[in-house]
Amino acid sequence: MNNTTCSHISYAALSSSSASNGVSAFVCLVSIILLFALKFHKIPLYRLALYQVLAAFAYAFVIVTEIGLIEDPTACKAAGFLDLFLLWVKLLMSGFLTFHLFCFAVFHKNFKRLEIPYIVTSVLVPAGVAVVPLITNTYGVAGSRCWIKEVNDNCEMIIAGLIESLVLCYGPVFIILVAECAAMVVMVAVLSYRVCKRWKSQPISGEDQQKKALKHILPFVAYPIIFCICSFPPLINRLYNSTHNTPSQFLQVVTSVSISISSFAAGIVLIVHITVSRINRRSMTSKLKVILEEEGAVTANDKTLPLLRSTTYYSQPAES
């Protein structure tokens, strides 16, 4: 392979990317297994978080395999296709989760029926996007990744690759990031305002209901926040490359690590979220059991007690 500064493989960035993404893939896999083991996949909001972590796992796994594929042109093209495809899956799943939370929190609308359209859209749209560089033959070695090439082995700009990287990746990522950040700011502000206002005017039951609403919604906001924060280093790297002739080795490493952190953090947040929810459910169920036993409503061995767990959660609004 040509070893010019325009086409050489950044092995430092590739090694750090493979190692960090290997850890991230493992963490995501553990969180997925835990979610199914504790049967949280039956809850619609947790399923939306699950889809994002599944995409993060697959994305991290593909990046790990690139270290053994990057010097094979055909294999590198396949890895580049999967890279862009899964990036779009993550992007759309993050956007759908933000939209779902926004409607749920701000307008009190439950669009659970849109789950299947979410999934179908998150497969068909990324596939359509990722096939474009295959048609134009612009997939190949791009620094530390198998991705869209912007320069060839002779240091000549590939116009098609430059346009595709901007139109198929960085442009949509920036637009969706801005939209997600705006939605999250509005969502948190509206929730905080409603909770503060109603705590002052409602009885204890209303106050408790609003507390449960806030506790139910806010943990899920962490998933799009993580995606937004970890998407900025690649955008900065893209901006740097567009204004400098030589790519920055430091920014390539930072970009590689930030991509893996996105998957790692999503897995960790899901694990913590599930664990805390599990502990809270057991704690609230135990307290309810004690109260009902004192009132003589149930006995200590009453088999219907597990059904009371549904009362320990904030109930979602009716489907819109």
C-alpha atoms as a PDB file:
ATOM      1  CA  MET A   1       0.000   0.000   0.000  1.00  0.00           C
ATOM      2  CA  ASN A   2       1.142   3.494  -0.764  1.00  0.00           C
ATOM      3  CA  ASN A   3       2.755   5.102   2.257  1.00  0.00           C
ATOM      4  CA  THR A   4       2.417   8.734   1.287  1.00  0.00           C
ATOM      5  CA  THR A   5       1.139  11.134   3.901  1.00  0.00           C
ATOM      6  CA  CYS A   6      -2.194  11.256   2.059  1.00  0.00           C
ATOM      7  CA  SER A   7      -2.988   7.561   2.132  1.00  0.00           C
ATOM      8  CA  HIS A   8      -1.024   5.975   4.935  1.00  0.00           C
ATOM      9  CA  ILE A   9      -2.822   4.183   7.730  1.00  0.00           C
ATOM     10  CA  SER A  10      -2.742   5.902  11.116  1.00  0.00           C
ATOM     11  CA  TYR A  11      -1.934   2.828  13.193  1.00  0.00           C
ATOM     12  CA  ALA A  12      -1.811   4.787  16.458  1.00  0.00           C
ATOM     13  CA  ALA A  13      -5.400   5.946  15.978  1.00  0.00           C
ATOM     14  CA  LEU A  14      -6.420   2.520  14.625  1.00  0.00           C
ATOM     15  CA  SER A  15      -4.985   0.682  17.636  1.00  0.00           C
ATOM     16  CA  SER A  16      -6.533   3.039  20.185  1.00  0.00           C
ATOM     17  CA  SER A  17      -9.850   2.863  18.332  1.00  0.00           C
ATOM     18  CA  SER A  18      -9.881  -0.946  18.212  1.00  0.00           C
ATOM     19  CA  ALA A  19      -8.947  -1.324  21.884  1.00  0.00           C
ATOM     20  CA  SER A  20     -11.437   1.230  23.189  1.00  0.00           C
ATOM     21  CA  ASN A  21     -14.242  -0.025  20.969  1.00  0.00           C
ATOM     22  CA  GLY A  22     -13.572  -3.595  22.094  1.00  0.00           C
ATOM     23  CA  VAL A  23     -14.248  -2.528  25.683  1.00  0.00           C
ATOM     24  CA  SER A  24     -17.301  -0.558  24.572  1.00  0.00           C
ATOM     25  CA  ALA A  25     -18.739  -3.520  22.662  1.00  0.00           C
ATOM     26  CA  PHE A  26     -18.339  -5.730  25.749  1.00  0.00           C
ATOM     27  CA  VAL A  27     -20.085  -3.195  28.007  1.00  0.00           C
ATOM     28  CA  CYS A  28     -22.950  -2.806  25.524  1.00  0.00           C
ATOM     29  CA  LEU A  29     -23.332  -6.584  25.305  1.00  0.00           C
ATOM     30  CA  VAL A  30     -23.512  -6.877  29.105  1.00  0.00           C
ATOM     31  CA  SER A  31     -26.162  -4.144  29.273  1.00  0.00           C
ATOM     32  CA  ILE A  32     -28.255  -5.854  26.571  1.00  0.00           C
ATOM     33  CA  ILE A  33     -28.099  -9.212  28.337  1.00  0.00           C
ATOM     34  CA  LEU A  34     -29.023  -7.566  31.641  1.00  0.00           C
ATOM     35  CA  LEU A  35     -32.002  -5.792  30.092  1.00  0.00           C
ATOM     36  CA  PHE A  36     -33.417  -9.035  28.691  1.00  0.00           C
ATOM     37  CA  ALA A  37     -32.625 -11.003  31.836  1.00  0.00           C
ATOM     38  CA  LEU A  38     -34.616  -8.555  33.983  1.00  0.00           C
ATOM     39  CA  LYS A  39     -37.364  -8.313  31.334  1.00  0.00           C
ATOM     40  CA  PHE A  40     -37.117  -4.559  30.886  1.00  0.00           C
ATOM     41  CA  HIS A  41     -37.463  -5.100  27.137  1.00  0.00           C
ATOM     42  CA  LYS A  42     -41.213  -5.306  27.692  1.00  0.00           C
ATOM     43  CA  ILE A  43     -41.328  -1.577  28.509  1.00  0.00           C
ATOM     44  CA  PRO A  44     -41.563   0.607  25.347  1.00  0.00           C
ATOM     45  CA  LEU A  45     -39.189   3.373  26.489  1.00  0.00           C
ATOM     46  CA  TYR A  46     -36.560   0.832  27.500  1.00  0.00           C
ATOM     47  CA  ARG A  47     -36.867  -0.780  24.081  1.00  0.00           C
ATOM     48  CA  LEU A  48     -36.031   2.542  22.420  1.00  0.00           C
ATOM     49  CA  ALA A  49     -32.940   2.765  24.611  1.00  0.00           C
ATOM     50  CA  LEU A  50     -32.190  -0.879  23.773  1.00  0.00           C
ATOM     51  CA  TYR A  51     -32.225  -0.178  20.028  1.00  0.00           C
ATOM     52  CA  GLN A  52     -29.696   2.596  20.456  1.00  0.00           C
ATOM     53  CA  VAL A  53     -27.397   0.379  22.552  1.00  0.00           C
ATOM     54  CA  LEU A  54     -27.758  -2.461  20.016  1.00  0.00           C
ATOM     55  CA  ALA A  55     -26.664  -0.066  17.264  1.00  0.00           C
ATOM     56  CA  ALA A  56     -23.783   1.121  19.464  1.00  0.00           C
ATOM     57  CA  PHE A  57     -22.689  -2.482  20.041  1.00  0.00           C
ATOM     58  CA  ALA A  58     -22.752  -3.329  16.333  1.00  0.00           C
ATOM     59  CA  TYR A  59     -20.935  -0.103  15.453  1.00  0.00           C
ATOM     60  CA  ALA A  60     -18.195  -0.729  18.024  1.00  0.00           C
ATOM     61  CA  PHE A  61     -17.823  -4.345  16.858  1.00  0.00           C
ATOM     62  CA  VAL A  62     -17.358  -3.272  13.218  1.00  0.00           C
ATOM     63  CA  ILE A  63     -14.666  -0.766  14.218  1.00  0.00           C
ATOM     64  CA  VAL A  64     -12.838  -3.472  16.193  1.00  0.00           C
ATOM     65  CA  THR A  65     -12.740  -5.716  13.118  1.00  0.00           C
ATOM     66  CA  GLU A  66     -11.300  -2.953  10.920  1.00  0.00           C
ATOM     67  CA  ILE A  67      -7.815  -3.525  12.305  1.00  0.00           C
ATOM     68  CA  GLY A  68      -7.759  -6.832  10.427  1.00  0.00           C
ATOM     69  CA  LEU A  69      -9.584  -5.587   7.329  1.00  0.00           C
ATOM     70  CA  ILE A  70      -8.114  -2.188   6.598  1.00  0.00           C
ATOM     71  CA  GLU A  71      -5.324  -3.467   4.303  1.00  0.00           C
ATOM     72  CA  ASP A  72      -7.710  -5.551   2.195  1.00  0.00           C
ATOM     73  CA  PRO A  73      -9.411  -3.173  -0.293  1.00  0.00           C
ATOM     74  CA  THR A  74     -12.560  -5.278  -0.726  1.00  0.00           C
ATOM     75  CA  ALA A  75     -12.974  -5.984   2.984  1.00  0.00           C
ATOM     76  CA  CYS A  76     -12.294  -2.330   3.777  1.00  0.00           C
ATOM     77  CA  LYS A  77     -15.093  -1.249   1.449  1.00  0.00           C
ATOM     78  CA  ALA A  78     -17.484  -3.628   3.200  1.00  0.00           C
ATOM     79  CA  ALA A  79     -16.384  -2.286   6.595  1.00  0.00           C
ATOM     80  CA  GLY A  80     -16.829   1.271   5.339  1.00  0.00           C
ATOM     81  CA  PHE A  81     -20.373   0.470   4.231  1.00  0.00           C
ATOM     82  CA  LEU A  82     -21.237  -1.003   7.645  1.00  0.00           C
ATOM     83  CA  ASP A  83     -19.544   1.919   9.399  1.00  0.00           C
ATOM     84  CA  LEU A  84     -21.680   4.530   7.639  1.00  0.00           C
ATOM     85  CA  PHE A  85     -24.815   2.368   7.824  1.00  0.00           C
ATOM     86  CA  LEU A  86     -24.539   1.846  11.597  1.00  0.00           C
ATOM     87  CA  LEU A  87     -23.607   5.482  12.186  1.00  0.00           C
ATOM     88  CA  TRP A  88     -26.909   6.459  10.576  1.00  0.00           C
ATOM     89  CA  VAL A  89     -28.771   3.830  12.620  1.00  0.00           C
ATOM     90  CA  LYS A  90     -27.327   5.370  15.792  1.00  0.00           C
ATOM     91  CA  LEU A  91     -28.143   8.856  14.565  1.00  0.00           C
ATOM     92  CA  LEU A  92     -31.774   8.049  13.737  1.00  0.00           C
ATOM     93  CA  MET A  93     -32.352   6.027  16.902  1.00  0.00           C
ATOM     94  CA  SER A  94     -31.012   8.911  18.978  1.00  0.00           C
ATOM     95  CA  GLY A  95     -33.294  11.303  17.106  1.00  0.00           C
ATOM     96  CA  PHE A  96     -36.342   9.062  17.495  1.00  0.00           C
ATOM     97  CA  LEU A  97     -35.691   8.607  21.212  1.00  0.00           C
ATOM     98  CA  THR A  98     -35.388  12.380  21.639  1.00  0.00           C
ATOM     99  CA  PHE A  99     -38.612  12.942  19.664  1.00  0.00           C
ATOM    100  CA  HIS A 100     -40.449  10.305  21.703  1.00  0.00           C
ATOM    101  CA  LEU A 101     -39.271  11.773  25.014  1.00  0.00           C
ATOM    102  CA  PHE A 102     -40.059  15.311  23.864  1.00  0.00           C
ATOM    103  CA  CYS A 103     -43.660  14.436  22.946  1.00  0.00           C
ATOM    104  CA  PHE A 104     -44.043  12.344  26.103  1.00  0.00           C
ATOM    105  CA  ALA A 105     -42.652  14.997  28.463  1.00  0.00           C
ATOM    106  CA  VAL A 106     -43.822  18.256  26.890  1.00  0.00           C
ATOM    107  CA  PHE A 107     -47.147  17.332  25.271  1.00  0.00           C
ATOM    108  CA  HIS A 108     -47.905  14.233  27.375  1.00  0.00           C
ATOM    109  CA  LYS A 109     -48.333  12.213  24.176  1.00  0.00           C
ATOM    110  CA  ASN A 110     -47.392   8.568  23.939  1.00  0.00           C
ATOM    111  CA  PHE A 111     -46.445   7.550  20.393  1.00  0.00           C
ATOM    112  CA  LYS A 112     -45.809   3.912  21.225  1.00  0.00           C
ATOM    113  CA  ARG A 113     -47.429   2.867  17.963  1.00  0.00           C
ATOM    114  CA  LEU A 114     -44.523   4.476  16.070  1.00  0.00           C
ATOM    115  CA  GLU A 115     -42.027   1.901  17.354  1.00  0.00           C
ATOM    116  CA  ILE A 116     -42.224  -0.274  14.226  1.00  0.00           C
ATOM    117  CA  PRO A 117     -41.922   2.737  11.855  1.00  0.00           C
ATOM    118  CA  TYR A 118     -38.897   3.825  13.913  1.00  0.00           C
ATOM    119  CA  ILE A 119     -37.229   0.465  13.305  1.00  0.00           C
ATOM    120  CA  VAL A 120     -38.109   0.273   9.602  1.00  0.00           C
ATOM    121  CA  THR A 121     -36.913   3.833   8.970  1.00  0.00           C
ATOM    122  CA  SER A 122     -33.703   3.208  10.910  1.00  0.00           C
ATOM    123  CA  VAL A 123     -32.864   0.333   8.563  1.00  0.00           C
ATOM    124  CA  LEU A 124     -34.038   1.540   5.160  1.00  0.00           C
ATOM    125  CA  VAL A 125     -32.719   5.119   5.327  1.00  0.00           C
ATOM    126  CA  PRO A 126     -29.182   4.137   6.481  1.00  0.00           C
ATOM    127  CA  ALA A 127     -29.048   1.421   3.816  1.00  0.00           C
ATOM    128  CA  GLY A 128     -29.972   3.939   1.126  1.00  0.00           C
ATOM    129  CA  VAL A 129     -27.367   6.402   2.379  1.00  0.00           C
ATOM    130  CA  ALA A 130     -24.553   3.872   2.770  1.00  0.00           C
ATOM    131  CA  VAL A 131     -24.984   2.444  -0.718  1.00  0.00           C
ATOM    132  CA  VAL A 132     -24.122   5.775  -2.414  1.00  0.00           C
ATOM    133  CA  PRO A 133     -20.328   5.576  -1.791  1.00  0.00           C
ATOM    134  CA  LEU A 134     -20.448   1.981  -3.028  1.00  0.00           C
ATOM    135  CA  ILE A 135     -21.860   3.180  -6.332  1.00  0.00           C
ATOM    136  CA  THR A 136     -19.274   5.970  -6.628  1.00  0.00           C
ATOM    137  CA  ASN A 137     -16.466   3.681  -5.369  1.00  0.00           C
ATOM    138  CA  THR A 138     -15.273   6.103  -2.692  1.00  0.00           C
ATOM    139  CA  TYR A 139     -15.017   3.693   0.249  1.00  0.00           C
ATOM    140  CA  GLY A 140     -11.453   2.949   1.339  1.00  0.00           C
ATOM    141  CA  VAL A 141      -8.754   3.822   3.866  1.00  0.00           C
ATOM    142  CA  ALA A 142      -9.394   7.222   5.451  1.00  0.00           C
ATOM    143  CA  GLY A 143      -6.775   7.791   8.146  1.00  0.00           C
ATOM    144  CA  SER A 144      -7.571   5.254  10.857  1.00  0.00           C
ATOM    145  CA  ARG A 145     -10.843   4.008   9.389  1.00  0.00           C
ATOM    146  CA  CYS A 146     -12.415   2.242   6.469  1.00  0.00           C
ATOM    147  CA  TRP A 147     -14.682   5.017   5.356  1.00  0.00           C
ATOM    148  CA  ILE A 148     -15.282   7.580   2.592  1.00  0.00           C
ATOM    149  CA  LYS A 149     -12.007   8.642   0.987  1.00  0.00           C
ATOM    150  CA  GLU A 150     -11.525  12.355   0.367  1.00  0.00           C
ATOM    151  CA  VAL A 151      -8.022  12.163  -1.149  1.00  0.00           C
ATOM    152  CA  ASN A 152      -6.404   9.513  -3.340  1.00  0.00           C
ATOM    153  CA  ASP A 153      -2.928   7.981  -3.150  1.00  0.00           C
ATOM    154  CA  ASN A 154      -1.508  10.906  -5.134  1.00  0.00           C
ATOM    155  CA  CYS A 155      -2.802  13.481  -2.634  1.00  0.00           C
ATOM    156  CA  GLU A 156      -5.433  14.632  -5.109  1.00  0.00           C
ATOM    157  CA  MET A 157      -8.826  15.659  -3.781  1.00  0.00           C
ATOM    158  CA  ILE A 158     -11.682  13.243  -4.492  1.00  0.00           C
ATOM    159  CA  ILE A 159     -14.574  15.638  -5.070  1.00  0.00           C
ATOM    160  CA  ALA A 160     -17.219  12.911  -4.863  1.00  0.00           C
ATOM    161  CA  GLY A 161     -15.803  11.688  -1.548  1.00  0.00           C
ATOM    162  CA  LEU A 162     -15.680  15.212  -0.090  1.00  0.00           C
ATOM    163  CA  ILE A 163     -19.282  15.918  -1.096  1.00  0.00           C
ATOM    164  CA  GLU A 164     -20.476  12.543   0.206  1.00  0.00           C
ATOM    165  CA  SER A 165     -18.774  12.949   3.584  1.00  0.00           C
ATOM    166  CA  LEU A 166     -20.428  16.350   4.013  1.00  0.00           C
ATOM    167  CA  VAL A 167     -23.878  15.490   2.627  1.00  0.00           C
ATOM    168  CA  LEU A 168     -24.176  11.911   3.885  1.00  0.00           C
ATOM    169  CA  CYS A 169     -22.580  12.336   7.288  1.00  0.00           C
ATOM    170  CA  TYR A 170     -21.366  15.604   8.778  1.00  0.00           C
ATOM    171  CA  GLY A 171     -24.188  17.805   7.516  1.00  0.00           C
ATOM    172  CA  PRO A 172     -27.041  15.572   8.782  1.00  0.00           C
ATOM    173  CA  VAL A 173     -25.180  14.862  12.026  1.00  0.00           C
ATOM    174  CA  PHE A 174     -24.812  18.595  12.715  1.00  0.00           C
ATOM    175  CA  ILE A 175     -28.466  19.329  11.918  1.00  0.00           C
ATOM    176  CA  ILE A 176     -29.778  16.477  14.068  1.00  0.00           C
ATOM    177  CA  LEU A 177     -27.401  17.382  16.917  1.00  0.00           C
ATOM    178  CA  VAL A 178     -28.673  20.969  16.955  1.00  0.00           C
ATOM    179  CA  ALA A 179     -32.287  19.755  16.872  1.00  0.00           C
ATOM    180  CA  GLU A 180     -31.662  17.258  19.690  1.00  0.00           C
ATOM    181  CA  CYS A 181     -29.911  19.838  21.880  1.00  0.00           C
ATOM    182  CA  ALA A 182     -32.764  22.320  21.385  1.00  0.00           C
ATOM    183  CA  ALA A 183     -35.372  19.634  22.133  1.00  0.00           C
ATOM    184  CA  MET A 184     -33.577  18.543  25.304  1.00  0.00           C
ATOM    185  CA  VAL A 185     -33.258  22.117  26.597  1.00  0.00           C
ATOM    186  CA  VAL A 186     -36.983  22.728  26.022  1.00  0.00           C
ATOM    187  CA  MET A 187     -37.899  19.350  27.503  1.00  0.00           C
ATOM    188  CA  VAL A 188     -35.936  19.796  30.720  1.00  0.00           C
ATOM    189  CA  ALA A 189     -37.111  23.402  31.105  1.00  0.00           C
ATOM    190  CA  VAL A 190     -40.790  22.483  30.640  1.00  0.00           C
ATOM    191  CA  LEU A 191     -40.572  19.520  32.992  1.00  0.00           C
ATOM    192  CA  SER A 192     -38.808  21.547  35.670  1.00  0.00           C
ATOM    193  CA  TYR A 193     -41.346  24.374  35.370  1.00  0.00           C
ATOM    194  CA  ARG A 194     -44.327  22.035  35.598  1.00  0.00           C
ATOM    195  CA  VAL A 195     -42.919  20.150  38.559  1.00  0.00           C
ATOM    196  CA  CYS A 196     -42.028  23.313  40.499  1.00  0.00           C
ATOM    197  CA  LYS A 197     -45.416  24.902  39.745  1.00  0.00           C
ATOM    198  CA  ARG A 198     -47.493  21.863  40.650  1.00  0.00           C
ATOM    199  CA  TRP A 199     -45.550  21.053  43.799  1.00  0.00           C
ATOM    200  CA  LYS A 200     -46.759  24.385  45.158  1.00  0.00           C
ATOM    201  CA  SER A 201     -50.378  24.005  44.100  1.00  0.00           C
ATOM    202  CA  GLN A 202     -51.226  20.300  44.148  1.00  0.00           C
ATOM    203  CA  PRO A 203     -51.880  17.901  47.048  1.00  0.00           C
ATOM    204  CA  ILE A 204     -49.376  15.266  48.006  1.00  0.00           C
ATOM    205  CA  SER A 205     -50.739  12.728  45.502  1.00  0.00           C
ATOM    206  CA  GLY A 206     -50.239  15.155  42.622  1.00  0.00           C
ATOM    207  CA  GLU A 207     -46.787  16.032  43.873  1.00  0.00           C
ATOM    208  CA  ASP A 208     -45.809  12.370  44.027  1.00  0.00           C
ATOM    209  CA  GLN A 209     -47.149  11.790  40.522  1.00  0.00           C
ATOM    210  CA  GLN A 210     -45.054  14.633  39.139  1.00  0.00           C
ATOM    211  CA  LYS A 211     -41.974  13.403  40.954  1.00  0.00           C
ATOM    212  CA  LYS A 212     -42.478   9.982  39.374  1.00  0.00           C
ATOM    213  CA  ALA A 213     -42.902  11.599  35.956  1.00  0.00           C
ATOM    214  CA  LEU A 214     -39.638  13.489  36.324  1.00  0.00           C
ATOM    215  CA  LYS A 215     -37.762  10.443  37.584  1.00  0.00           C
ATOM    216  CA  HIS A 216     -39.193   8.327  34.776  1.00  0.00           C
ATOM    217  CA  ILE A 217     -38.256  10.711  31.972  1.00  0.00           C
ATOM    218  CA  LEU A 218     -34.926  12.261  32.949  1.00  0.00           C
ATOM    219  CA  PRO A 219     -32.749   9.090  32.885  1.00  0.00           C
ATOM    220  CA  PHE A 220     -33.663   8.500  29.258  1.00  0.00           C
ATOM    221  CA  VAL A 221     -32.440  11.981  28.336  1.00  0.00           C
ATOM    222  CA  ALA A 222     -28.904  10.741  29.064  1.00  0.00           C
ATOM    223  CA  TYR A 223     -28.802   8.657  25.864  1.00  0.00           C
ATOM    224  CA  PRO A 224     -29.179  11.522  23.348  1.00  0.00           C
ATOM    225  CA  ILE A 225     -26.992  13.764  25.535  1.00  0.00           C
ATOM    226  CA  ILE A 226     -24.157  11.224  25.349  1.00  0.00           C
ATOM    227  CA  PHE A 227     -24.531  10.927  21.593  1.00  0.00           C
ATOM    228  CA  CYS A 228     -24.480  14.715  21.178  1.00  0.00           C
ATOM    229  CA  ILE A 229     -21.375  15.260  23.320  1.00  0.00           C
ATOM    230  CA  CYS A 230     -19.400  12.458  21.686  1.00  0.00           C
ATOM    231  CA  SER A 231     -20.288  13.638  18.175  1.00  0.00           C
ATOM    232  CA  PHE A 232     -18.525  16.978  18.519  1.00  0.00           C
ATOM    233  CA  PRO A 233     -14.880  15.742  18.255  1.00  0.00           C
ATOM    234  CA  PRO A 234     -15.497  14.145  14.814  1.00  0.00           C
ATOM    235  CA  LEU A 235     -17.105  17.389  13.670  1.00  0.00           C
ATOM    236  CA  ILE A 236     -14.109  19.378  14.920  1.00  0.00           C
ATOM    237  CA  ASN A 237     -11.768  16.946  13.145  1.00  0.00           C
ATOM    238  CA  ARG A 238     -13.800  17.386   9.945  1.00  0.00           C
ATOM    239  CA  LEU A 239     -13.542  21.178  10.232  1.00  0.00           C
ATOM    240  CA  TYR A 240      -9.783  20.952  10.828  1.00  0.00           C
ATOM    241  CA  ASN A 241      -9.251  18.697   7.813  1.00  0.00           C
ATOM    242  CA  SER A 242     -11.209  21.058   5.595  1.00  0.00           C
ATOM    243  CA  THR A 243      -8.912  23.954   6.514  1.00  0.00           C
ATOM    244  CA  HIS A 244      -5.533  22.148   6.643  1.00  0.00           C
ATOM    245  CA  ASN A 245      -3.681  20.100   4.062  1.00  0.00           C
ATOM    246  CA  THR A 246      -2.281  17.621   6.604  1.00  0.00           C
ATOM    247  CA  PRO A 247      -4.612  15.743   8.998  1.00  0.00           C
ATOM    248  CA  SER A 248      -4.008  16.034  12.731  1.00  0.00           C
ATOM    249  CA  GLN A 249      -2.814  12.802  14.330  1.00  0.00           C
ATOM    250  CA  PHE A 250      -4.019  14.051  17.710  1.00  0.00           C
ATOM    251  CA  LEU A 251      -7.525  14.839  16.457  1.00  0.00           C
ATOM    252  CA  GLN A 252      -7.708  11.457  14.738  1.00  0.00           C
ATOM    253  CA  VAL A 253      -6.950   9.703  18.022  1.00  0.00           C
ATOM    254  CA  VAL A 254      -9.399  11.917  19.949  1.00  0.00           C
ATOM    255  CA  THR A 255     -12.088  11.257  17.335  1.00  0.00           C
ATOM    256  CA  SER A 256     -11.519   7.501  17.503  1.00  0.00           C
ATOM    257  CA  VAL A 257     -11.702   7.480  21.289  1.00  0.00           C
ATOM    258  CA  SER A 258     -14.772   9.751  21.419  1.00  0.00           C
ATOM    259  CA  ILE A 259     -16.637   7.410  19.071  1.00  0.00           C
ATOM    260  CA  SER A 260     -15.917   4.493  21.393  1.00  0.00           C
ATOM    261  CA  ILE A 261     -16.863   6.533  24.459  1.00  0.00           C
ATOM    262  CA  SER A 262     -20.295   7.085  22.913  1.00  0.00           C
ATOM    263  CA  SER A 263     -20.923   3.332  22.816  1.00  0.00           C
ATOM    264  CA  PHE A 264     -19.275   2.712  26.200  1.00  0.00           C
ATOM    265  CA  ALA A 265     -21.291   5.437  27.947  1.00  0.00           C
ATOM    266  CA  ALA A 266     -24.565   4.254  26.387  1.00  0.00           C
ATOM    267  CA  GLY A 267     -23.934   0.749  27.739  1.00  0.00           C
ATOM    268  CA  ILE A 268     -22.963   2.020  31.200  1.00  0.00           C
ATOM    269  CA  VAL A 269     -26.006   4.313  31.402  1.00  0.00           C
ATOM    270  CA  LEU A 270     -28.308   1.429  30.463  1.00  0.00           C
ATOM    271  CA  ILE A 271     -26.740  -0.826  33.108  1.00  0.00           C
ATOM    272  CA  VAL A 272     -27.059   1.858  35.804  1.00  0.00           C
ATOM    273  CA  HIS A 273     -30.572   2.761  34.684  1.00  0.00           C
ATOM    274  CA  ILE A 274     -31.766  -0.846  34.810  1.00  0.00           C
ATOM    275  CA  THR A 275     -30.065  -1.529  38.139  1.00  0.00           C
ATOM    276  CA  VAL A 276     -31.501   1.570  39.835  1.00  0.00           C
ATOM    277  CA  SER A 277     -34.973   0.867  38.438  1.00  0.00           C
ATOM    278  CA  ARG A 278     -34.760  -2.716  39.683  1.00  0.00           C
ATOM    279  CA  ILE A 279     -33.691  -1.612  43.173  1.00  0.00           C
ATOM    280  CA  ASN A 280     -36.409   1.063  43.337  1.00  0.00           C
ATOM    281  CA  ARG A 281     -39.063  -1.410  42.244  1.00  0.00           C
ATOM    282  CA  ARG A 282     -38.085  -3.897  44.926  1.00  0.00           C
ATOM    283  CA  SER A 283     -37.870  -1.199  47.575  1.00  0.00           C
ATOM    284  CA  MET A 284     -41.256   0.329  46.730  1.00  0.00           C
ATOM    285  CA  THR A 285     -42.898  -3.082  46.457  1.00  0.00           C
ATOM    286  CA  SER A 286     -41.558  -4.055  49.895  1.00  0.00           C
ATOM    287  CA  LYS A 287     -42.877  -0.824  51.443  1.00  0.00           C
ATOM    288  CA  LEU A 288     -46.264  -1.342  49.824  1.00  0.00           C
ATOM    289  CA  LYS A 289     -46.367  -4.899  51.073  1.00  0.00           C
ATOM    290  CA  VAL A 290     -45.714  -3.791  54.660  1.00  0.00           C
ATOM    291  CA  ILE A 291     -48.439  -1.147  54.476  1.00  0.00           C
ATOM    292  CA  LEU A 292     -51.010  -3.556  53.050  1.00  0.00           C
ATOM    293  CA  GLU A 293     -50.119  -6.250  55.588  1.00  0.00           C
ATOM    294  CA  GLU A 294     -50.602  -3.760  58.416  1.00  0.00           C
ATOM    295  CA  GLU A 295     -54.008  -2.869  56.992  1.00  0.00           C
ATOM    296  CA  GLY A 296     -54.868  -6.548  56.521  1.00  0.00           C
ATOM    297  CA  ALA A 297     -55.273  -6.183  52.764  1.00  0.00           C
ATOM    298  CA  VAL A 298     -52.873  -9.010  51.957  1.00  0.00           C
ATOM    299  CA  THR A 299     -51.057 -11.758  53.761  1.00  0.00           C
ATOM    300  CA  ALA A 300     -47.320 -12.278  53.775  1.00  0.00           C
ATOM    301  CA  ASN A 301     -47.680 -15.180  51.336  1.00  0.00           C
ATOM    302  CA  ASP A 302     -50.166 -13.523  49.001  1.00  0.00           C
ATOM    303  CA  LYS A 303     -49.249 -14.541  45.447  1.00  0.00           C
ATOM    304  CA  THR A 304     -50.983 -11.501  43.958  1.00  0.00           C
ATOM    305  CA  LEU A 305     -48.451  -9.123  45.471  1.00  0.00           C
ATOM    306  CA  PRO A 306     -46.200  -8.992  42.381  1.00  0.00           C
ATOM    307  CA  LEU A 307     -49.118  -7.442  40.521  1.00  0.00           C
ATOM    308  CA  LEU A 308     -48.840  -4.435  42.796  1.00  0.00           C
ATOM    309  CA  ARG A 309     -45.497  -3.546  41.246  1.00  0.00           C
ATOM    310  CA  SER A 310     -47.310  -1.767  38.474  1.00  0.00           C
ATOM    311  CA  THR A 311     -48.481   0.812  41.004  1.00  0.00           C
ATOM    312  CA  THR A 312     -44.923   1.703  41.927  1.00  0.00           C
ATOM    313  CA  TYR A 313     -44.202   3.193  38.506  1.00  0.00           C
ATOM    314  CA  TYR A 314     -45.276   6.390  36.885  1.00  0.00           C
ATOM    315  CA  SER A 315     -47.931   5.332  34.380  1.00  0.00           C
ATOM    316  CA  GLN A 316     -47.441   6.455  30.813  1.00  0.00           C
ATOM    317  CA  PRO A 317     -50.176   8.522  29.176  1.00  0.00           C
ATOM    318  CA  ALA A 318     -52.606   6.799  26.855  1.00  0.00           C
ATOM    319  CA  GLU A 319     -51.358   6.175  23.347  1.00  0.00           C
ATOM    320  CA  SER A 320     -52.049   9.083  21.016  1.00  0.00           C
END
